[in-house]
Amino acid sequence: MPTEPLRCAGALIVHDDGRLFFQRRSPERRLFPNAWDVVGGHLEPGEEIEDALSREVAEETGWSLSHVLGRIGEFRWTGDDGVPRVETDFLVRVDGDLTRPRLEAGKHTEFRWLAERDLAVLDENRNAGDGQIRRIAEDAFAALRSIGL
């Protein structure tokens, strides 16, 4: 068991119309199977957080990170694998065809662009009381409003 939390980076990708990108994890995934999630993952050893954001966006969507609009927050959590994590999430813009992400094979099965009024879908296939992804999304929409988007 690691003594230090695993560092993670999350990218909440913003569409030109203000919606946010979410993808469904495959049913075979160890953590949060068949649940909606943001783009992101663990930092590689020695990797800087913005480099991790760029890598994860490319791996999970085929798009390229254009720029970071701002930091949403930092969240501490422990998965059912017992590993503690510190996740830092960011609002980002990407380059590429936003209608055609290239989802990472075997890891994600579908995607949606959600408006703030659509966030209830994020509770699908989550354990009771696990509203973390929805809280991150709500914080992301609040951050978008604060920067005038």
Protein backbone atom coordinates (compact mmCIF):
# COMPACT_ATOMS: atom_id res chain seq x y z
CA MET A 1 0.00 0.00 0.00
CA PRO A 2 1.53 3.38 -0.99
CA THR A 3 2.20 5.88 1.77
CA GLU A 4 1.71 8.90 -0.47
CA PRO A 5 -1.56 9.53 -2.28
CA LEU A 6 -1.57 8.84 -6.01
CA ARG A 7 -1.72 12.12 -7.94
CA CYS A 8 -4.42 12.44 -10.60
CA ALA A 9 -5.37 15.11 -13.12
CA GLY A 10 -8.86 15.64 -14.51
CA ALA A 11 -9.87 17.65 -17.57
CA LEU A 12 -13.35 19.08 -17.86
CA ILE A 13 -13.45 19.86 -21.55
CA VAL A 14 -15.55 22.89 -22.46
CA HIS A 15 -17.53 22.99 -25.71
CA ASP A 16 -17.99 26.31 -27.52
CA ASP A 17 -21.63 26.31 -26.39
CA GLY A 18 -20.68 25.93 -22.71
CA ARG A 19 -21.46 22.23 -22.26
CA LEU A 20 -18.96 19.86 -20.64
CA PHE A 21 -17.67 16.52 -21.95
CA PHE A 22 -18.20 13.28 -20.02
CA GLN A 23 -17.52 9.68 -20.99
CA ARG A 24 -18.89 6.41 -19.68
CA ARG A 25 -16.37 3.98 -18.23
CA SER A 26 -16.63 0.46 -19.59
CA PRO A 27 -18.38 -2.20 -17.45
CA GLU A 28 -15.06 -4.06 -17.12
CA ARG A 29 -13.27 -1.20 -15.35
CA ARG A 30 -12.13 -1.89 -11.77
CA LEU A 31 -13.07 1.55 -10.45
CA PHE A 32 -16.50 3.02 -11.21
CA PRO A 33 -17.58 0.47 -13.85
CA ASN A 34 -20.21 1.74 -16.28
CA ALA A 35 -20.24 5.17 -14.59
CA TRP A 36 -19.80 8.61 -16.14
CA ASP A 37 -16.45 10.30 -15.61
CA VAL A 38 -14.26 13.19 -16.72
CA VAL A 39 -11.19 12.79 -18.88
CA GLY A 40 -8.13 12.15 -16.77
CA GLY A 41 -5.96 9.76 -14.86
CA HIS A 42 -2.82 9.24 -12.83
CA LEU A 43 0.34 11.24 -13.26
CA GLU A 44 3.28 9.18 -14.46
CA PRO A 45 6.45 9.31 -12.31
CA GLY A 46 8.11 12.71 -12.78
CA GLU A 47 5.26 14.01 -14.95
CA GLU A 48 3.99 17.58 -14.47
CA ILE A 49 0.24 18.04 -14.10
CA GLU A 50 -0.29 19.96 -17.36
CA ASP A 51 1.68 17.28 -19.23
CA ALA A 52 -0.61 14.66 -17.67
CA LEU A 53 -3.69 16.63 -18.74
CA SER A 54 -2.39 16.83 -22.29
CA ARG A 55 -1.51 13.12 -22.39
CA GLU A 56 -4.84 12.00 -20.90
CA VAL A 57 -6.87 14.18 -23.28
CA ALA A 58 -5.01 12.71 -26.26
CA GLU A 59 -5.25 9.10 -24.99
CA GLU A 60 -8.91 9.23 -24.03
CA THR A 61 -10.38 11.43 -26.78
CA GLY A 62 -7.87 11.83 -29.62
CA TRP A 63 -8.08 15.60 -29.20
CA SER A 64 -5.19 17.85 -28.24
CA LEU A 65 -5.16 20.17 -25.25
CA SER A 66 -5.40 23.75 -26.49
CA HIS A 67 -5.28 25.64 -23.20
CA VAL A 68 -6.23 25.51 -19.55
CA LEU A 69 -9.00 27.94 -18.62
CA GLY A 70 -8.62 27.49 -14.89
CA ARG A 71 -8.36 25.17 -11.92
CA ILE A 72 -11.62 23.79 -10.54
CA GLY A 73 -10.30 22.25 -7.36
CA GLU A 74 -8.43 19.51 -5.62
CA PHE A 75 -10.22 16.47 -4.25
CA ARG A 76 -8.98 13.69 -1.98
CA TRP A 77 -10.59 10.30 -2.35
CA THR A 78 -9.94 6.61 -1.91
CA GLY A 79 -11.27 4.11 -4.41
CA ASP A 80 -12.59 0.70 -3.53
CA ASP A 81 -9.07 -0.52 -4.35
CA GLY A 82 -7.93 1.14 -1.10
CA VAL A 83 -5.54 3.54 -2.85
CA PRO A 84 -5.73 7.17 -1.63
CA ARG A 85 -5.71 9.76 -4.40
CA VAL A 86 -5.39 13.51 -4.77
CA GLU A 87 -7.14 14.66 -7.93
CA THR A 88 -6.76 18.16 -9.35
CA ASP A 89 -9.36 19.10 -11.96
CA PHE A 90 -9.17 21.81 -14.59
CA LEU A 91 -11.43 23.48 -17.15
CA VAL A 92 -9.78 23.05 -20.54
CA ARG A 93 -10.26 23.72 -24.23
CA VAL A 94 -9.19 21.25 -26.88
CA ASP A 95 -8.48 21.18 -30.59
CA GLY A 96 -10.19 18.60 -32.77
CA ASP A 97 -13.60 17.60 -34.07
CA LEU A 98 -15.76 17.85 -30.94
CA THR A 99 -18.45 15.70 -32.55
CA ARG A 100 -16.08 12.75 -32.98
CA PRO A 101 -13.90 11.89 -30.01
CA ARG A 102 -11.79 8.76 -30.33
CA LEU A 103 -12.71 7.02 -27.09
CA GLU A 104 -10.00 4.85 -25.58
CA ALA A 105 -10.80 1.28 -26.60
CA GLY A 106 -11.78 -0.99 -23.74
CA LYS A 107 -11.94 1.87 -21.27
CA HIS A 108 -14.89 4.01 -22.39
CA THR A 109 -18.09 3.10 -24.21
CA GLU A 110 -19.89 6.37 -24.95
CA PHE A 111 -19.72 10.12 -24.47
CA ARG A 112 -22.05 13.03 -23.83
CA TRP A 113 -21.83 16.79 -23.80
CA LEU A 114 -23.85 17.93 -20.79
CA ALA A 115 -25.38 21.25 -19.86
CA GLU A 116 -25.72 22.11 -16.18
CA ARG A 117 -29.39 21.10 -16.19
CA ASP A 118 -28.38 17.58 -17.36
CA LEU A 119 -26.04 16.68 -14.48
CA ALA A 120 -28.38 14.13 -12.86
CA VAL A 121 -27.18 11.60 -15.46
CA LEU A 122 -23.80 11.60 -13.70
CA ASP A 123 -25.35 9.74 -10.75
CA GLU A 124 -26.02 6.65 -12.91
CA ASN A 125 -24.17 3.53 -11.71
CA ARG A 126 -22.62 5.31 -8.75
CA ASN A 127 -22.83 4.05 -5.17
CA ALA A 128 -25.34 5.80 -2.93
CA GLY A 129 -23.71 8.88 -1.46
CA ASP A 130 -20.99 9.01 -4.12
CA GLY A 131 -21.78 12.32 -5.74
CA GLN A 132 -18.17 13.28 -6.34
CA ILE A 133 -18.31 13.45 -10.14
CA ARG A 134 -21.50 15.51 -9.98
CA ARG A 135 -19.94 17.90 -7.42
CA ILE A 136 -16.90 18.33 -9.67
CA ALA A 137 -19.22 19.10 -12.59
CA GLU A 138 -21.21 21.60 -10.50
CA ASP A 139 -17.95 23.28 -9.46
CA ALA A 140 -16.88 23.37 -13.12
CA PHE A 141 -20.08 25.13 -14.17
CA ALA A 142 -19.66 27.61 -11.29
CA ALA A 143 -16.10 28.27 -12.49
CA LEU A 144 -17.35 28.79 -16.05
CA ARG A 145 -19.84 31.38 -14.80
CA SER A 146 -17.13 33.13 -12.78
CA ILE A 147 -15.00 33.62 -15.90
CA GLY A 148 -17.98 34.72 -17.97
CA LEU A 149 -18.47 31.63 -20.14
